[in-house]
């Protein structure tokens, strides 16, 4: 079953993106996305 995963910026901590995914994975999702707060492309990690 897919649910919404919330992605947070690793630099400033703002939660910018939500993507569909599976919460039952052992490894958390990490994507390089644009952060409006930092005004740069930074690494975003899945939050709880």
PDB file of N, CA and C in Angstrom:
ATOM      1  N   UNK A   1       0.839  -1.177   0.000  1.00  0.00           N
ATOM      2  CA  UNK A   1       0.000   0.000   0.000  1.00  0.00           C
ATOM      3  C   UNK A   1       0.885   1.242   0.000  1.00  0.00           C
ATOM      4  N   UNK A   2       0.540   2.225  -0.793  1.00  0.00           N
ATOM      5  CA  UNK A   2       1.331   3.451  -0.845  1.00  0.00           C
ATOM      6  C   UNK A   2       0.680   4.515   0.027  1.00  0.00           C
ATOM      7  N   UNK A   3       1.510   5.269   0.699  1.00  0.00           N
ATOM      8  CA  UNK A   3       1.067   6.370   1.542  1.00  0.00           C
ATOM      9  C   UNK A   3       1.882   7.598   1.195  1.00  0.00           C
ATOM     10  N   UNK A   4       1.518   8.742   1.772  1.00  0.00           N
ATOM     11  CA  UNK A   4       2.272   9.961   1.538  1.00  0.00           C
ATOM     12  C   UNK A   4       3.493  10.001   2.443  1.00  0.00           C
ATOM     13  N   UNK A   5       4.653  10.227   1.854  1.00  0.00           N
ATOM     14  CA  UNK A   5       5.892  10.402   2.600  1.00  0.00           C
ATOM     15  C   UNK A   5       6.231  11.883   2.605  1.00  0.00           C
ATOM     16  N   UNK A   6       6.584  12.430   3.749  1.00  0.00           N
ATOM     17  CA  UNK A   6       6.944  13.832   3.875  1.00  0.00           C
ATOM     18  C   UNK A   6       8.462  13.939   3.814  1.00  0.00           C
ATOM     19  N   UNK A   7       8.960  14.837   2.957  1.00  0.00           N
ATOM     20  CA  UNK A   7      10.403  15.046   2.817  1.00  0.00           C
ATOM     21  C   UNK A   7      10.786  16.375   3.465  1.00  0.00           C
ATOM     22  N   UNK A   8      11.833  16.355   4.278  1.00  0.00           N
ATOM     23  CA  UNK A   8      12.317  17.544   4.960  1.00  0.00           C
ATOM     24  C   UNK A   8      13.748  17.841   4.530  1.00  0.00           C
ATOM     25  N   UNK A   9      14.056  19.122   4.417  1.00  0.00           N
ATOM     26  CA  UNK A   9      15.398  19.568   4.044  1.00  0.00           C
ATOM     27  C   UNK A   9      16.373  19.238   5.171  1.00  0.00           C
ATOM     28  N   UNK A  10      17.549  18.727   4.819  1.00  0.00           N
ATOM     29  CA  UNK A  10      18.544  18.378   5.833  1.00  0.00           C
ATOM     30  C   UNK A  10      19.303  19.607   6.339  1.00  0.00           C
ATOM     31  N   UNK A  11      19.269  20.717   5.581  1.00  0.00           N
ATOM     32  CA  UNK A  11      19.998  21.923   5.978  1.00  0.00           C
ATOM     33  C   UNK A  11      19.173  22.765   6.943  1.00  0.00           C
ATOM     34  N   UNK A  12      17.936  23.123   6.537  1.00  0.00           N
ATOM     35  CA  UNK A  12      17.126  24.033   7.352  1.00  0.00           C
ATOM     36  C   UNK A  12      16.004  23.318   8.107  1.00  0.00           C
ATOM     37  N   UNK A  13      15.641  22.092   7.698  1.00  0.00           N
ATOM     38  CA  UNK A  13      14.619  21.330   8.405  1.00  0.00           C
ATOM     39  C   UNK A  13      13.196  21.589   7.959  1.00  0.00           C
ATOM     40  N   UNK A  14      12.987  22.438   6.955  1.00  0.00           N
ATOM     41  CA  UNK A  14      11.623  22.717   6.503  1.00  0.00           C
ATOM     42  C   UNK A  14      11.076  21.541   5.714  1.00  0.00           C
ATOM     43  N   UNK A  15       9.794  21.272   5.900  1.00  0.00           N
ATOM     44  CA  UNK A  15       9.132  20.151   5.218  1.00  0.00           C
ATOM     45  C   UNK A  15       8.491  20.683   3.954  1.00  0.00           C
ATOM     46  N   UNK A  16       9.119  20.382   2.809  1.00  0.00           N
ATOM     47  CA  UNK A  16       8.730  20.992   1.546  1.00  0.00           C
ATOM     48  C   UNK A  16       7.917  20.090   0.635  1.00  0.00           C
ATOM     49  N   UNK A  17       8.146  18.803   0.646  1.00  0.00           N
ATOM     50  CA  UNK A  17       7.579  17.914  -0.365  1.00  0.00           C
ATOM     51  C   UNK A  17       6.859  16.732   0.269  1.00  0.00           C
ATOM     52  N   UNK A  18       5.832  16.242  -0.435  1.00  0.00           N
ATOM     53  CA  UNK A  18       5.182  14.979  -0.083  1.00  0.00           C
ATOM     54  C   UNK A  18       5.118  14.145  -1.351  1.00  0.00           C
ATOM     55  N   UNK A  19       5.552  12.890  -1.250  1.00  0.00           N
ATOM     56  CA  UNK A  19       5.600  11.990  -2.397  1.00  0.00           C
ATOM     57  C   UNK A  19       4.938  10.672  -2.009  1.00  0.00           C
ATOM     58  N   UNK A  20       4.351   9.958  -2.963  1.00  0.00           N
ATOM     59  CA  UNK A  20       3.785   8.650  -2.634  1.00  0.00           C
ATOM     60  C   UNK A  20       4.904   7.633  -2.447  1.00  0.00           C
ATOM     61  N   UNK A  21       4.713   6.723  -1.497  1.00  0.00           N
ATOM     62  CA  UNK A  21       5.740   5.722  -1.255  1.00  0.00           C
ATOM     63  C   UNK A  21       5.275   4.680  -0.276  1.00  0.00           C
ATOM     64  N   UNK A  22       6.185   3.811   0.117  1.00  0.00           N
ATOM     65  CA  UNK A  22       5.901   2.716   1.021  1.00  0.00           C
ATOM     66  C   UNK A  22       6.631   2.949   2.336  1.00  0.00           C
ATOM     67  N   UNK A  23       5.910   3.006   3.452  1.00  0.00           N
ATOM     68  CA  UNK A  23       6.524   3.259   4.758  1.00  0.00           C
ATOM     69  C   UNK A  23       7.185   2.025   5.356  1.00  0.00           C
ATOM     70  N   UNK A  24       6.972   0.849   4.781  1.00  0.00           N
ATOM     71  CA  UNK A  24       7.494  -0.386   5.354  1.00  0.00           C
ATOM     72  C   UNK A  24       8.916  -0.714   4.909  1.00  0.00           C
ATOM     73  N   UNK A  25       9.609   0.222   4.284  1.00  0.00           N
ATOM     74  CA  UNK A  25      10.975  -0.024   3.844  1.00  0.00           C
ATOM     75  C   UNK A  25      11.941   0.195   4.997  1.00  0.00           C
ATOM     76  N   UNK A  26      13.052  -0.522   4.981  1.00  0.00           N
ATOM     77  CA  UNK A  26      14.061  -0.405   6.034  1.00  0.00           C
ATOM     78  C   UNK A  26      14.882   0.879   5.879  1.00  0.00           C
ATOM     79  N   UNK A  27      15.080   1.339   4.638  1.00  0.00           N
ATOM     80  CA  UNK A  27      15.895   2.520   4.366  1.00  0.00           C
ATOM     81  C   UNK A  27      14.987   3.701   4.066  1.00  0.00           C
ATOM     82  N   UNK A  28      15.285   4.851   4.646  1.00  0.00           N
ATOM     83  CA  UNK A  28      14.484   6.043   4.401  1.00  0.00           C
ATOM     84  C   UNK A  28      14.840   6.662   3.057  1.00  0.00           C
ATOM     85  N   UNK A  29      13.832   7.248   2.430  1.00  0.00           N
ATOM     86  CA  UNK A  29      13.988   7.851   1.116  1.00  0.00           C
ATOM     87  C   UNK A  29      14.809   9.135   1.215  1.00  0.00           C
ATOM     88  N   UNK A  30      15.753   9.324   0.301  1.00  0.00           N
ATOM     89  CA  UNK A  30      16.571  10.533   0.225  1.00  0.00           C
ATOM     90  C   UNK A  30      16.583  11.009  -1.217  1.00  0.00           C
ATOM     91  N   UNK A  31      16.197  12.262  -1.440  1.00  0.00           N
ATOM     92  CA  UNK A  31      16.183  12.848  -2.776  1.00  0.00           C
ATOM     93  C   UNK A  31      16.813  14.225  -2.731  1.00  0.00           C
ATOM     94  N   UNK A  32      17.436  14.619  -3.824  1.00  0.00           N
ATOM     95  CA  UNK A  32      17.985  15.962  -3.932  1.00  0.00           C
ATOM     96  C   UNK A  32      16.921  16.830  -4.594  1.00  0.00           C
ATOM     97  N   UNK A  33      16.358  17.778  -3.823  1.00  0.00           N
ATOM     98  CA  UNK A  33      15.264  18.626  -4.292  1.00  0.00           C
ATOM     99  C   UNK A  33      15.606  20.085  -4.019  1.00  0.00           C
ATOM    100  N   UNK A  34      14.811  20.997  -4.624  1.00  0.00           N
ATOM    101  CA  UNK A  34      15.008  22.421  -4.414  1.00  0.00           C
ATOM    102  C   UNK A  34      14.300  22.855  -3.139  1.00  0.00           C
ATOM    103  N   UNK A  35      14.979  23.597  -2.293  1.00  0.00           N
ATOM    104  CA  UNK A  35      14.410  24.138  -1.057  1.00  0.00           C
ATOM    105  C   UNK A  35      14.236  25.646  -1.221  1.00  0.00           C
ATOM    106  N   UNK A  36      12.996  26.117  -1.059  1.00  0.00           N
ATOM    107  CA  UNK A  36      12.734  27.552  -1.189  1.00  0.00           C
ATOM    108  C   UNK A  36      13.344  28.350  -0.047  1.00  0.00           C
ATOM    109  N   UNK A  37      13.448  27.767   1.134  1.00  0.00           N
ATOM    110  CA  UNK A  37      14.019  28.457   2.278  1.00  0.00           C
ATOM    111  C   UNK A  37      15.520  28.660   2.100  1.00  0.00           C
ATOM    112  N   UNK A  38      16.221  27.615   1.669  1.00  0.00           N
ATOM    113  CA  UNK A  38      17.669  27.693   1.444  1.00  0.00           C
ATOM    114  C   UNK A  38      17.995  28.323   0.092  1.00  0.00           C
ATOM    115  N   UNK A  39      17.032  28.300  -0.827  1.00  0.00           N
ATOM    116  CA  UNK A  39      17.206  28.818  -2.188  1.00  0.00           C
ATOM    117  C   UNK A  39      18.313  28.062  -2.920  1.00  0.00           C
ATOM    118  N   UNK A  40      18.340  26.730  -2.727  1.00  0.00           N
ATOM    119  CA  UNK A  40      19.353  25.887  -3.366  1.00  0.00           C
ATOM    120  C   UNK A  40      18.835  24.458  -3.418  1.00  0.00           C
ATOM    121  N   UNK A  41      19.498  23.632  -4.222  1.00  0.00           N
ATOM    122  CA  UNK A  41      19.188  22.215  -4.266  1.00  0.00           C
ATOM    123  C   UNK A  41      19.914  21.533  -3.106  1.00  0.00           C
ATOM    124  N   UNK A  42      19.155  20.909  -2.212  1.00  0.00           N
ATOM    125  CA  UNK A  42      19.728  20.251  -1.043  1.00  0.00           C
ATOM    126  C   UNK A  42      19.145  18.851  -0.917  1.00  0.00           C
ATOM    127  N   UNK A  43      19.756  18.054  -0.063  1.00  0.00           N
ATOM    128  CA  UNK A  43      19.279  16.704   0.183  1.00  0.00           C
ATOM    129  C   UNK A  43      18.052  16.755   1.084  1.00  0.00           C
ATOM    130  N   UNK A  44      16.986  16.070   0.685  1.00  0.00           N
ATOM    131  CA  UNK A  44      15.757  15.988   1.478  1.00  0.00           C
ATOM    132  C   UNK A  44      15.571  14.531   1.906  1.00  0.00           C
ATOM    133  N   UNK A  45      15.271  14.316   3.200  1.00  0.00           N
ATOM    134  CA  UNK A  45      15.102  12.981   3.743  1.00  0.00           C
ATOM    135  C   UNK A  45      13.671  12.787   4.225  1.00  0.00           C
ATOM    136  N   UNK A  46      13.252  11.530   4.203  1.00  0.00           N
ATOM    137  CA  UNK A  46      11.909  11.162   4.682  1.00  0.00           C
ATOM    138  C   UNK A  46      11.835  11.381   6.192  1.00  0.00           C
ATOM    139  N   UNK A  47      10.732  11.981   6.656  1.00  0.00           N
ATOM    140  CA  UNK A  47      10.533  12.197   8.087  1.00  0.00           C
ATOM    141  C   UNK A  47       9.501  11.207   8.610  1.00  0.00           C
ATOM    142  N   UNK A  48       9.349  11.150   9.910  1.00  0.00           N
ATOM    143  CA  UNK A  48       8.360  10.263  10.515  1.00  0.00           C
ATOM    144  C   UNK A  48       6.978  10.838  10.431  1.00  0.00           C
TER     145      UNK A  48
END
